[in-house]
């Protein structure tokens, strides 16, 4: 991976999306508050990144918890599209370091 100073906005955005999808898929952070806590990114960035996963053909869906109301539940990656989920899982720590986020703890 590269240092944060040498990353373009395009690459940073791409890595951030993969990082968020990886956190969700690993069960580390499956809600917006959990993403904010795990990554330190602002809430709005976490929300925008979740919304942008579809641009990479990553299917991320919110699952409502049984018997709950008012958006109580968690996010799940249903399909990684053209992205290799194994590569993302293997490089989650590197992406976190590149983006300046704390290393994920599973």
PDB file of N, CA and C in Angstrom:
ATOM      1  N   UNK A   1       0.838  -1.186   0.000  1.00  0.00           N
ATOM      2  CA  UNK A   1       0.000   0.000   0.000  1.00  0.00           C
ATOM      3  C   UNK A   1       0.886   1.254   0.000  1.00  0.00           C
ATOM      4  N   UNK A   2       0.278   2.362  -0.235  1.00  0.00           N
ATOM      5  CA  UNK A   2       1.010   3.618  -0.327  1.00  0.00           C
ATOM      6  C   UNK A   2       0.804   4.447   0.937  1.00  0.00           C
ATOM      7  N   UNK A   3       1.626   5.458   1.080  1.00  0.00           N
ATOM      8  CA  UNK A   3       1.440   6.359   2.210  1.00  0.00           C
ATOM      9  C   UNK A   3       0.251   7.268   1.910  1.00  0.00           C
ATOM     10  N   UNK A   4      -0.445   7.748   2.958  1.00  0.00           N
ATOM     11  CA  UNK A   4      -1.612   8.611   2.741  1.00  0.00           C
ATOM     12  C   UNK A   4      -1.306   9.859   1.925  1.00  0.00           C
ATOM     13  N   UNK A   5      -0.071  10.362   1.990  1.00  0.00           N
ATOM     14  CA  UNK A   5       0.279  11.584   1.279  1.00  0.00           C
ATOM     15  C   UNK A   5       0.308  11.373  -0.230  1.00  0.00           C
ATOM     16  N   UNK A   6       0.577  10.151  -0.696  1.00  0.00           N
ATOM     17  CA  UNK A   6       0.694   9.913  -2.125  1.00  0.00           C
ATOM     18  C   UNK A   6      -0.580   9.374  -2.757  1.00  0.00           C
ATOM     19  N   UNK A   7      -1.657   9.325  -2.001  1.00  0.00           N
ATOM     20  CA  UNK A   7      -2.909   8.785  -2.519  1.00  0.00           C
ATOM     21  C   UNK A   7      -3.738   9.860  -3.210  1.00  0.00           C
ATOM     22  N   UNK A   8      -4.287   9.508  -4.356  1.00  0.00           N
ATOM     23  CA  UNK A   8      -5.227  10.401  -5.026  1.00  0.00           C
ATOM     24  C   UNK A   8      -6.582  10.285  -4.338  1.00  0.00           C
ATOM     25  N   UNK A   9      -7.441  11.246  -4.604  1.00  0.00           N
ATOM     26  CA  UNK A   9      -8.790  11.185  -4.042  1.00  0.00           C
ATOM     27  C   UNK A   9      -9.527   9.951  -4.537  1.00  0.00           C
ATOM     28  N   UNK A  10      -9.287   9.575  -5.772  1.00  0.00           N
ATOM     29  CA  UNK A  10      -9.936   8.391  -6.340  1.00  0.00           C
ATOM     30  C   UNK A  10      -9.517   7.132  -5.592  1.00  0.00           C
ATOM     31  N   UNK A  11      -8.209   6.991  -5.374  1.00  0.00           N
ATOM     32  CA  UNK A  11      -7.711   5.805  -4.678  1.00  0.00           C
ATOM     33  C   UNK A  11      -8.162   5.796  -3.219  1.00  0.00           C
ATOM     34  N   UNK A  12      -8.120   6.945  -2.564  1.00  0.00           N
ATOM     35  CA  UNK A  12      -8.566   7.040  -1.179  1.00  0.00           C
ATOM     36  C   UNK A  12     -10.030   6.617  -1.068  1.00  0.00           C
ATOM     37  N   UNK A  13     -10.849   7.109  -1.968  1.00  0.00           N
ATOM     38  CA  UNK A  13     -12.268   6.761  -1.976  1.00  0.00           C
ATOM     39  C   UNK A  13     -12.461   5.266  -2.203  1.00  0.00           C
ATOM     40  N   UNK A  14     -11.709   4.699  -3.131  1.00  0.00           N
ATOM     41  CA  UNK A  14     -11.795   3.272  -3.428  1.00  0.00           C
ATOM     42  C   UNK A  14     -11.395   2.444  -2.208  1.00  0.00           C
ATOM     43  N   UNK A  15     -10.259   2.761  -1.605  1.00  0.00           N
ATOM     44  CA  UNK A  15      -9.814   2.032  -0.414  1.00  0.00           C
ATOM     45  C   UNK A  15     -10.805   2.178   0.737  1.00  0.00           C
ATOM     46  N   UNK A  16     -11.350   3.379   0.915  1.00  0.00           N
ATOM     47  CA  UNK A  16     -12.312   3.593   1.998  1.00  0.00           C
ATOM     48  C   UNK A  16     -13.540   2.698   1.812  1.00  0.00           C
ATOM     49  N   UNK A  17     -14.009   2.587   0.591  1.00  0.00           N
ATOM     50  CA  UNK A  17     -15.167   1.730   0.319  1.00  0.00           C
ATOM     51  C   UNK A  17     -14.837   0.266   0.593  1.00  0.00           C
ATOM     52  N   UNK A  18     -13.666  -0.176   0.141  1.00  0.00           N
ATOM     53  CA  UNK A  18     -13.271  -1.558   0.406  1.00  0.00           C
ATOM     54  C   UNK A  18     -13.096  -1.800   1.902  1.00  0.00           C
ATOM     55  N   UNK A  19     -12.518  -0.836   2.593  1.00  0.00           N
ATOM     56  CA  UNK A  19     -12.304  -0.943   4.036  1.00  0.00           C
ATOM     57  C   UNK A  19     -13.638  -1.075   4.772  1.00  0.00           C
ATOM     58  N   UNK A  20     -14.596  -0.223   4.452  1.00  0.00           N
ATOM     59  CA  UNK A  20     -15.915  -0.277   5.091  1.00  0.00           C
ATOM     60  C   UNK A  20     -16.603  -1.599   4.785  1.00  0.00           C
ATOM     61  N   UNK A  21     -16.573  -2.031   3.524  1.00  0.00           N
ATOM     62  CA  UNK A  21     -17.178  -3.314   3.155  1.00  0.00           C
ATOM     63  C   UNK A  21     -16.495  -4.460   3.902  1.00  0.00           C
ATOM     64  N   UNK A  22     -15.176  -4.379   4.045  1.00  0.00           N
ATOM     65  CA  UNK A  22     -14.432  -5.403   4.767  1.00  0.00           C
ATOM     66  C   UNK A  22     -14.801  -5.456   6.233  1.00  0.00           C
ATOM     67  N   UNK A  23     -14.965  -4.289   6.862  1.00  0.00           N
ATOM     68  CA  UNK A  23     -15.378  -4.243   8.274  1.00  0.00           C
ATOM     69  C   UNK A  23     -16.760  -4.863   8.459  1.00  0.00           C
ATOM     70  N   UNK A  24     -17.655  -4.567   7.525  1.00  0.00           N
ATOM     71  CA  UNK A  24     -19.011  -5.123   7.603  1.00  0.00           C
ATOM     72  C   UNK A  24     -18.967  -6.633   7.410  1.00  0.00           C
ATOM     73  N   UNK A  25     -18.275  -7.078   6.379  1.00  0.00           N
ATOM     74  CA  UNK A  25     -18.218  -8.502   6.063  1.00  0.00           C
ATOM     75  C   UNK A  25     -17.575  -9.314   7.186  1.00  0.00           C
ATOM     76  N   UNK A  26     -16.590  -8.734   7.862  1.00  0.00           N
ATOM     77  CA  UNK A  26     -15.905  -9.415   8.962  1.00  0.00           C
ATOM     78  C   UNK A  26     -16.716  -9.382  10.251  1.00  0.00           C
ATOM     79  N   UNK A  27     -17.827  -8.618  10.250  1.00  0.00           N
ATOM     80  CA  UNK A  27     -18.650  -8.508  11.455  1.00  0.00           C
ATOM     81  C   UNK A  27     -18.058  -7.576  12.495  1.00  0.00           C
ATOM     82  N   UNK A  28     -17.046  -6.804  12.106  1.00  0.00           N
ATOM     83  CA  UNK A  28     -16.382  -5.888  13.034  1.00  0.00           C
ATOM     84  C   UNK A  28     -17.239  -4.650  13.273  1.00  0.00           C
ATOM     85  N   UNK A  29     -17.842  -4.137  12.216  1.00  0.00           N
ATOM     86  CA  UNK A  29     -18.660  -2.930  12.299  1.00  0.00           C
ATOM     87  C   UNK A  29     -19.813  -3.067  11.314  1.00  0.00           C
ATOM     88  N   UNK A  30     -21.008  -3.339  11.823  1.00  0.00           N
ATOM     89  CA  UNK A  30     -22.149  -3.598  10.943  1.00  0.00           C
ATOM     90  C   UNK A  30     -23.250  -2.546  11.064  1.00  0.00           C
ATOM     91  N   UNK A  31     -22.927  -1.425  11.687  1.00  0.00           N
ATOM     92  CA  UNK A  31     -23.874  -0.310  11.770  1.00  0.00           C
ATOM     93  C   UNK A  31     -23.086   0.977  11.616  1.00  0.00           C
ATOM     94  N   UNK A  32     -23.772   2.069  11.365  1.00  0.00           N
ATOM     95  CA  UNK A  32     -23.077   3.348  11.221  1.00  0.00           C
ATOM     96  C   UNK A  32     -22.339   3.709  12.508  1.00  0.00           C
ATOM     97  N   UNK A  33     -22.975   3.632  13.690  1.00  0.00           N
ATOM     98  CA  UNK A  33     -22.227   3.954  14.911  1.00  0.00           C
ATOM     99  C   UNK A  33     -21.001   3.057  15.109  1.00  0.00           C
ATOM    100  N   UNK A  34     -21.117   1.780  14.763  1.00  0.00           N
ATOM    101  CA  UNK A  34     -19.982   0.864  14.903  1.00  0.00           C
ATOM    102  C   UNK A  34     -18.876   1.204  13.907  1.00  0.00           C
ATOM    103  N   UNK A  35     -19.245   1.625  12.684  1.00  0.00           N
ATOM    104  CA  UNK A  35     -18.245   2.047  11.697  1.00  0.00           C
ATOM    105  C   UNK A  35     -17.493   3.281  12.186  1.00  0.00           C
ATOM    106  N   UNK A  36     -18.225   4.226  12.745  1.00  0.00           N
ATOM    107  CA  UNK A  36     -17.616   5.447  13.275  1.00  0.00           C
ATOM    108  C   UNK A  36     -16.644   5.089  14.398  1.00  0.00           C
ATOM    109  N   UNK A  37     -17.072   4.217  15.289  1.00  0.00           N
ATOM    110  CA  UNK A  37     -16.225   3.822  16.422  1.00  0.00           C
ATOM    111  C   UNK A  37     -14.983   3.051  15.962  1.00  0.00           C
ATOM    112  N   UNK A  38     -15.164   2.110  15.037  1.00  0.00           N
ATOM    113  CA  UNK A  38     -14.050   1.268  14.594  1.00  0.00           C
ATOM    114  C   UNK A  38     -13.030   2.031  13.764  1.00  0.00           C
ATOM    115  N   UNK A  39     -13.506   2.982  12.971  1.00  0.00           N
ATOM    116  CA  UNK A  39     -12.617   3.657  12.020  1.00  0.00           C
ATOM    117  C   UNK A  39     -12.196   5.056  12.455  1.00  0.00           C
ATOM    118  N   UNK A  40     -13.017   5.700  13.254  1.00  0.00           N
ATOM    119  CA  UNK A  40     -12.751   7.086  13.610  1.00  0.00           C
ATOM    120  C   UNK A  40     -13.202   8.070  12.543  1.00  0.00           C
ATOM    121  N   UNK A  41     -13.812   7.553  11.458  1.00  0.00           N
ATOM    122  CA  UNK A  41     -14.284   8.465  10.412  1.00  0.00           C
ATOM    123  C   UNK A  41     -15.554   9.181  10.887  1.00  0.00           C
ATOM    124  N   UNK A  42     -15.790  10.373  10.396  1.00  0.00           N
ATOM    125  CA  UNK A  42     -17.018  11.087  10.759  1.00  0.00           C
ATOM    126  C   UNK A  42     -18.256  10.297  10.327  1.00  0.00           C
ATOM    127  N   UNK A  43     -19.341  10.502  11.044  1.00  0.00           N
ATOM    128  CA  UNK A  43     -20.594   9.792  10.767  1.00  0.00           C
ATOM    129  C   UNK A  43     -21.027   9.987   9.310  1.00  0.00           C
ATOM    130  N   UNK A  44     -20.961  11.212   8.841  1.00  0.00           N
ATOM    131  CA  UNK A  44     -21.401  11.504   7.466  1.00  0.00           C
ATOM    132  C   UNK A  44     -20.542  10.751   6.446  1.00  0.00           C
ATOM    133  N   UNK A  45     -19.246  10.657   6.703  1.00  0.00           N
ATOM    134  CA  UNK A  45     -18.359   9.916   5.801  1.00  0.00           C
ATOM    135  C   UNK A  45     -18.739   8.443   5.790  1.00  0.00           C
ATOM    136  N   UNK A  46     -19.015   7.896   6.964  1.00  0.00           N
ATOM    137  CA  UNK A  46     -19.425   6.490   7.053  1.00  0.00           C
ATOM    138  C   UNK A  46     -20.726   6.265   6.278  1.00  0.00           C
ATOM    139  N   UNK A  47     -21.695   7.156   6.455  1.00  0.00           N
ATOM    140  CA  UNK A  47     -22.970   7.033   5.747  1.00  0.00           C
ATOM    141  C   UNK A  47     -22.779   7.156   4.240  1.00  0.00           C
ATOM    142  N   UNK A  48     -22.006   8.148   3.815  1.00  0.00           N
ATOM    143  CA  UNK A  48     -21.768   8.348   2.382  1.00  0.00           C
ATOM    144  C   UNK A  48     -21.036   7.149   1.782  1.00  0.00           C
ATOM    145  N   UNK A  49     -20.076   6.600   2.513  1.00  0.00           N
ATOM    146  CA  UNK A  49     -19.319   5.452   2.022  1.00  0.00           C
ATOM    147  C   UNK A  49     -20.219   4.232   1.881  1.00  0.00           C
ATOM    148  N   UNK A  50     -21.079   4.004   2.852  1.00  0.00           N
ATOM    149  CA  UNK A  50     -22.052   2.910   2.751  1.00  0.00           C
ATOM    150  C   UNK A  50     -22.907   3.079   1.497  1.00  0.00           C
ATOM    151  N   UNK A  51     -23.378   4.280   1.278  1.00  0.00           N
ATOM    152  CA  UNK A  51     -24.220   4.555   0.123  1.00  0.00           C
ATOM    153  C   UNK A  51     -23.504   4.398  -1.204  1.00  0.00           C
ATOM    154  N   UNK A  52     -22.177   4.532  -1.187  1.00  0.00           N
ATOM    155  CA  UNK A  52     -21.401   4.469  -2.422  1.00  0.00           C
ATOM    156  C   UNK A  52     -20.899   3.064  -2.757  1.00  0.00           C
ATOM    157  N   UNK A  53     -21.123   2.092  -1.894  1.00  0.00           N
ATOM    158  CA  UNK A  53     -20.646   0.738  -2.174  1.00  0.00           C
ATOM    159  C   UNK A  53     -21.236   0.184  -3.467  1.00  0.00           C
ATOM    160  N   UNK A  54     -22.464   0.550  -3.771  1.00  0.00           N
ATOM    161  CA  UNK A  54     -23.124   0.098  -4.988  1.00  0.00           C
ATOM    162  C   UNK A  54     -22.413   0.551  -6.257  1.00  0.00           C
ATOM    163  N   UNK A  55     -21.675   1.663  -6.181  1.00  0.00           N
ATOM    164  CA  UNK A  55     -20.923   2.138  -7.340  1.00  0.00           C
ATOM    165  C   UNK A  55     -19.813   1.163  -7.719  1.00  0.00           C
ATOM    166  N   UNK A  56     -19.407   0.310  -6.770  1.00  0.00           N
ATOM    167  CA  UNK A  56     -18.410  -0.729  -7.041  1.00  0.00           C
ATOM    168  C   UNK A  56     -19.081  -2.080  -7.275  1.00  0.00           C
ATOM    169  N   UNK A  57     -20.406  -2.073  -7.390  1.00  0.00           N
ATOM    170  CA  UNK A  57     -21.211  -3.291  -7.535  1.00  0.00           C
ATOM    171  C   UNK A  57     -21.137  -4.191  -6.305  1.00  0.00           C
ATOM    172  N   UNK A  58     -20.825  -3.607  -5.158  1.00  0.00           N
ATOM    173  CA  UNK A  58     -20.895  -4.330  -3.891  1.00  0.00           C
ATOM    174  C   UNK A  58     -22.316  -4.149  -3.373  1.00  0.00           C
ATOM    175  N   UNK A  59     -23.002  -5.277  -3.150  1.00  0.00           N
ATOM    176  CA  UNK A  59     -24.379  -5.219  -2.659  1.00  0.00           C
ATOM    177  C   UNK A  59     -24.345  -5.297  -1.139  1.00  0.00           C
ATOM    178  N   UNK A  60     -24.672  -4.178  -0.514  1.00  0.00           N
ATOM    179  CA  UNK A  60     -24.708  -4.066   0.939  1.00  0.00           C
ATOM    180  C   UNK A  60     -26.134  -3.713   1.313  1.00  0.00           C
ATOM    181  N   UNK A  61     -26.740  -4.552   2.156  1.00  0.00           N
ATOM    182  CA  UNK A  61     -28.138  -4.335   2.535  1.00  0.00           C
ATOM    183  C   UNK A  61     -28.279  -4.229   4.042  1.00  0.00           C
ATOM    184  N   UNK A  62     -29.258  -3.444   4.442  1.00  0.00           N
ATOM    185  CA  UNK A  62     -29.583  -3.320   5.862  1.00  0.00           C
ATOM    186  C   UNK A  62     -30.594  -4.396   6.219  1.00  0.00           C
ATOM    187  N   UNK A  63     -30.303  -5.159   7.242  1.00  0.00           N
ATOM    188  CA  UNK A  63     -31.218  -6.183   7.736  1.00  0.00           C
ATOM    189  C   UNK A  63     -31.854  -5.685   9.023  1.00  0.00           C
ATOM    190  N   UNK A  64     -33.158  -5.540   8.982  1.00  0.00           N
ATOM    191  CA  UNK A  64     -33.910  -5.143  10.168  1.00  0.00           C
ATOM    192  C   UNK A  64     -33.903  -6.304  11.157  1.00  0.00           C
ATOM    193  N   UNK A  65     -33.620  -6.032  12.419  1.00  0.00           N
ATOM    194  CA  UNK A  65     -33.661  -7.087  13.433  1.00  0.00           C
ATOM    195  C   UNK A  65     -35.108  -7.502  13.666  1.00  0.00           C
ATOM    196  N   UNK A  66     -35.326  -8.800  13.830  1.00  0.00           N
ATOM    197  CA  UNK A  66     -36.679  -9.338  14.019  1.00  0.00           C
ATOM    198  C   UNK A  66     -37.358  -8.688  15.220  1.00  0.00           C
ATOM    199  N   UNK A  67     -38.568  -8.228  14.998  1.00  0.00           N
ATOM    200  CA  UNK A  67     -39.366  -7.646  16.070  1.00  0.00           C
ATOM    201  C   UNK A  67     -38.990  -6.228  16.445  1.00  0.00           C
ATOM    202  N   UNK A  68     -38.020  -5.650  15.779  1.00  0.00           N
ATOM    203  CA  UNK A  68     -37.581  -4.287  16.094  1.00  0.00           C
ATOM    204  C   UNK A  68     -38.188  -3.289  15.109  1.00  0.00           C
ATOM    205  N   UNK A  69     -38.261  -2.056  15.549  1.00  0.00           N
ATOM    206  CA  UNK A  69     -38.715  -0.967  14.687  1.00  0.00           C
ATOM    207  C   UNK A  69     -37.644   0.111  14.654  1.00  0.00           C
ATOM    208  N   UNK A  70     -37.868   1.116  13.858  1.00  0.00           N
ATOM    209  CA  UNK A  70     -37.010   2.308  13.818  1.00  0.00           C
ATOM    210  C   UNK A  70     -35.567   1.997  13.428  1.00  0.00           C
ATOM    211  N   UNK A  71     -35.400   1.229  12.372  1.00  0.00           N
ATOM    212  CA  UNK A  71     -34.074   0.975  11.810  1.00  0.00           C
ATOM    213  C   UNK A  71     -33.089   0.358  12.811  1.00  0.00           C
ATOM    214  N   UNK A  72     -33.548  -0.605  13.576  1.00  0.00           N
ATOM    215  CA  UNK A  72     -32.668  -1.367  14.460  1.00  0.00           C
ATOM    216  C   UNK A  72     -32.256  -2.614  13.694  1.00  0.00           C
ATOM    217  N   UNK A  73     -30.975  -2.764  13.459  1.00  0.00           N
ATOM    218  CA  UNK A  73     -30.488  -3.902  12.705  1.00  0.00           C
ATOM    219  C   UNK A  73     -29.026  -3.722  12.351  1.00  0.00           C
ATOM    220  N   UNK A  74     -28.620  -4.323  11.239  1.00  0.00           N
ATOM    221  CA  UNK A  74     -27.217  -4.270  10.839  1.00  0.00           C
ATOM    222  C   UNK A  74     -27.070  -4.417   9.330  1.00  0.00           C
ATOM    223  N   UNK A  75     -25.900  -4.021   8.834  1.00  0.00           N
ATOM    224  CA  UNK A  75     -25.594  -4.140   7.410  1.00  0.00           C
ATOM    225  C   UNK A  75     -24.927  -5.479   7.124  1.00  0.00           C
ATOM    226  N   UNK A  76     -25.207  -5.993   5.927  1.00  0.00           N
ATOM    227  CA  UNK A  76     -24.653  -7.267   5.473  1.00  0.00           C
ATOM    228  C   UNK A  76     -24.202  -7.094   4.023  1.00  0.00           C
ATOM    229  N   UNK A  77     -23.027  -7.636   3.698  1.00  0.00           N
ATOM    230  CA  UNK A  77     -22.584  -7.661   2.306  1.00  0.00           C
ATOM    231  C   UNK A  77     -23.189  -8.905   1.669  1.00  0.00           C
ATOM    232  N   UNK A  78     -24.029  -8.713   0.677  1.00  0.00           N
ATOM    233  CA  UNK A  78     -24.696  -9.822  -0.017  1.00  0.00           C
ATOM    234  C   UNK A  78     -23.889 -10.316  -1.217  1.00  0.00           C
ATOM    235  N   UNK A  79     -23.195  -9.373  -1.873  1.00  0.00           N
ATOM    236  CA  UNK A  79     -22.449  -9.738  -3.083  1.00  0.00           C
ATOM    237  C   UNK A  79     -21.299  -8.752  -3.238  1.00  0.00           C
ATOM    238  N   UNK A  80     -20.113  -9.278  -3.505  1.00  0.00           N
ATOM    239  CA  UNK A  80     -18.932  -8.445  -3.675  1.00  0.00           C
ATOM    240  C   UNK A  80     -18.751  -7.992  -5.120  1.00  0.00           C
ATOM    241  N   UNK A  81     -19.629  -8.417  -6.023  1.00  0.00           N
ATOM    242  CA  UNK A  81     -19.477  -8.010  -7.418  1.00  0.00           C
ATOM    243  C   UNK A  81     -18.107  -8.413  -7.932  1.00  0.00           C
ATOM    244  N   UNK A  82     -17.386  -7.496  -8.589  1.00  0.00           N
ATOM    245  CA  UNK A  82     -16.085  -7.845  -9.173  1.00  0.00           C
ATOM    246  C   UNK A  82     -14.926  -7.806  -8.171  1.00  0.00           C
ATOM    247  N   UNK A  83     -15.204  -7.488  -6.931  1.00  0.00           N
ATOM    248  CA  UNK A  83     -14.160  -7.347  -5.913  1.00  0.00           C
ATOM    249  C   UNK A  83     -13.863  -8.698  -5.269  1.00  0.00           C
ATOM    250  N   UNK A  84     -12.595  -8.983  -5.043  1.00  0.00           N
ATOM    251  CA  UNK A  84     -12.168 -10.222  -4.385  1.00  0.00           C
ATOM    252  C   UNK A  84     -12.219 -10.015  -2.873  1.00  0.00           C
ATOM    253  N   UNK A  85     -13.232 -10.597  -2.237  1.00  0.00           N
ATOM    254  CA  UNK A  85     -13.426 -10.428  -0.795  1.00  0.00           C
ATOM    255  C   UNK A  85     -12.238 -10.963   0.002  1.00  0.00           C
ATOM    256  N   UNK A  86     -11.579 -11.992  -0.517  1.00  0.00           N
ATOM    257  CA  UNK A  86     -10.411 -12.549   0.194  1.00  0.00           C
ATOM    258  C   UNK A  86      -9.270 -11.542   0.226  1.00  0.00           C
ATOM    259  N   UNK A  87      -9.080 -10.812  -0.891  1.00  0.00           N
ATOM    260  CA  UNK A  87      -8.034  -9.792  -0.935  1.00  0.00           C
ATOM    261  C   UNK A  87      -8.347  -8.687   0.066  1.00  0.00           C
ATOM    262  N   UNK A  88      -9.601  -8.260   0.107  1.00  0.00           N
ATOM    263  CA  UNK A  88      -9.998  -7.205   1.038  1.00  0.00           C
ATOM    264  C   UNK A  88      -9.737  -7.657   2.475  1.00  0.00           C
ATOM    265  N   UNK A  89     -10.156  -8.869   2.837  1.00  0.00           N
ATOM    266  CA  UNK A  89      -9.946  -9.377   4.191  1.00  0.00           C
ATOM    267  C   UNK A  89      -8.461  -9.450   4.533  1.00  0.00           C
ATOM    268  N   UNK A  90      -7.647  -9.903   3.580  1.00  0.00           N
ATOM    269  CA  UNK A  90      -6.213 -10.049   3.815  1.00  0.00           C
ATOM    270  C   UNK A  90      -5.500  -8.699   3.916  1.00  0.00           C
ATOM    271  N   UNK A  91      -6.089  -7.657   3.345  1.00  0.00           N
ATOM    272  CA  UNK A  91      -5.441  -6.338   3.301  1.00  0.00           C
ATOM    273  C   UNK A  91      -6.143  -5.283   4.145  1.00  0.00           C
ATOM    274  N   UNK A  92      -7.061  -5.688   5.017  1.00  0.00           N
ATOM    275  CA  UNK A  92      -7.820  -4.736   5.829  1.00  0.00           C
ATOM    276  C   UNK A  92      -6.899  -3.881   6.701  1.00  0.00           C
ATOM    277  N   UNK A  93      -5.915  -4.499   7.356  1.00  0.00           N
ATOM    278  CA  UNK A  93      -4.985  -3.739   8.189  1.00  0.00           C
ATOM    279  C   UNK A  93      -4.171  -2.747   7.355  1.00  0.00           C
ATOM    280  N   UNK A  94      -3.711  -3.179   6.182  1.00  0.00           N
ATOM    281  CA  UNK A  94      -2.920  -2.305   5.310  1.00  0.00           C
ATOM    282  C   UNK A  94      -3.745  -1.116   4.839  1.00  0.00           C
ATOM    283  N   UNK A  95      -5.001  -1.372   4.472  1.00  0.00           N
ATOM    284  CA  UNK A  95      -5.854  -0.267   4.020  1.00  0.00           C
ATOM    285  C   UNK A  95      -6.100   0.704   5.167  1.00  0.00           C
ATOM    286  N   UNK A  96      -6.330   0.177   6.372  1.00  0.00           N
ATOM    287  CA  UNK A  96      -6.535   1.048   7.530  1.00  0.00           C
ATOM    288  C   UNK A  96      -5.319   1.945   7.741  1.00  0.00           C
ATOM    289  N   UNK A  97      -4.132   1.355   7.686  1.00  0.00           N
ATOM    290  CA  UNK A  97      -2.905   2.135   7.871  1.00  0.00           C
ATOM    291  C   UNK A  97      -2.741   3.172   6.768  1.00  0.00           C
ATOM    292  N   UNK A  98      -3.013   2.768   5.535  1.00  0.00           N
ATOM    293  CA  UNK A  98      -2.881   3.689   4.396  1.00  0.00           C
ATOM    294  C   UNK A  98      -3.828   4.864   4.527  1.00  0.00           C
ATOM    295  N   UNK A  99      -5.037   4.598   5.014  1.00  0.00           N
ATOM    296  CA  UNK A  99      -6.047   5.647   5.152  1.00  0.00           C
ATOM    297  C   UNK A  99      -5.901   6.448   6.454  1.00  0.00           C
ATOM    298  N   UNK A 100      -5.030   5.975   7.347  1.00  0.00           N
ATOM    299  CA  UNK A 100      -4.862   6.664   8.626  1.00  0.00           C
ATOM    300  C   UNK A 100      -5.907   6.283   9.647  1.00  0.00           C
ATOM    301  N   UNK A 101      -6.538   5.131   9.469  1.00  0.00           N
ATOM    302  CA  UNK A 101      -7.544   4.635  10.411  1.00  0.00           C
ATOM    303  C   UNK A 101      -6.878   3.627  11.355  1.00  0.00           C
ATOM    304  N   UNK A 102      -7.469   3.412  12.527  1.00  0.00           N
ATOM    305  CA  UNK A 102      -6.902   2.399  13.431  1.00  0.00           C
ATOM    306  C   UNK A 102      -7.049   1.004  12.834  1.00  0.00           C
ATOM    307  N   UNK A 103      -6.139   0.117  13.188  1.00  0.00           N
ATOM    308  CA  UNK A 103      -6.231  -1.277  12.712  1.00  0.00           C
ATOM    309  C   UNK A 103      -7.507  -1.887  13.259  1.00  0.00           C
ATOM    310  N   UNK A 104      -8.235  -2.591  12.408  1.00  0.00           N
ATOM    311  CA  UNK A 104      -9.478  -3.214  12.856  1.00  0.00           C
ATOM    312  C   UNK A 104      -9.203  -4.320  13.878  1.00  0.00           C
ATOM    313  N   UNK A 105     -10.091  -4.440  14.825  1.00  0.00           N
ATOM    314  CA  UNK A 105      -9.970  -5.536  15.803  1.00  0.00           C
ATOM    315  C   UNK A 105     -11.194  -6.418  15.643  1.00  0.00           C
ATOM    316  N   UNK A 106     -10.958  -7.684  15.413  1.00  0.00           N
ATOM    317  CA  UNK A 106     -12.072  -8.605  15.150  1.00  0.00           C
ATOM    318  C   UNK A 106     -12.586  -9.254  16.396  1.00  0.00           C
TER     319      UNK A 106
END
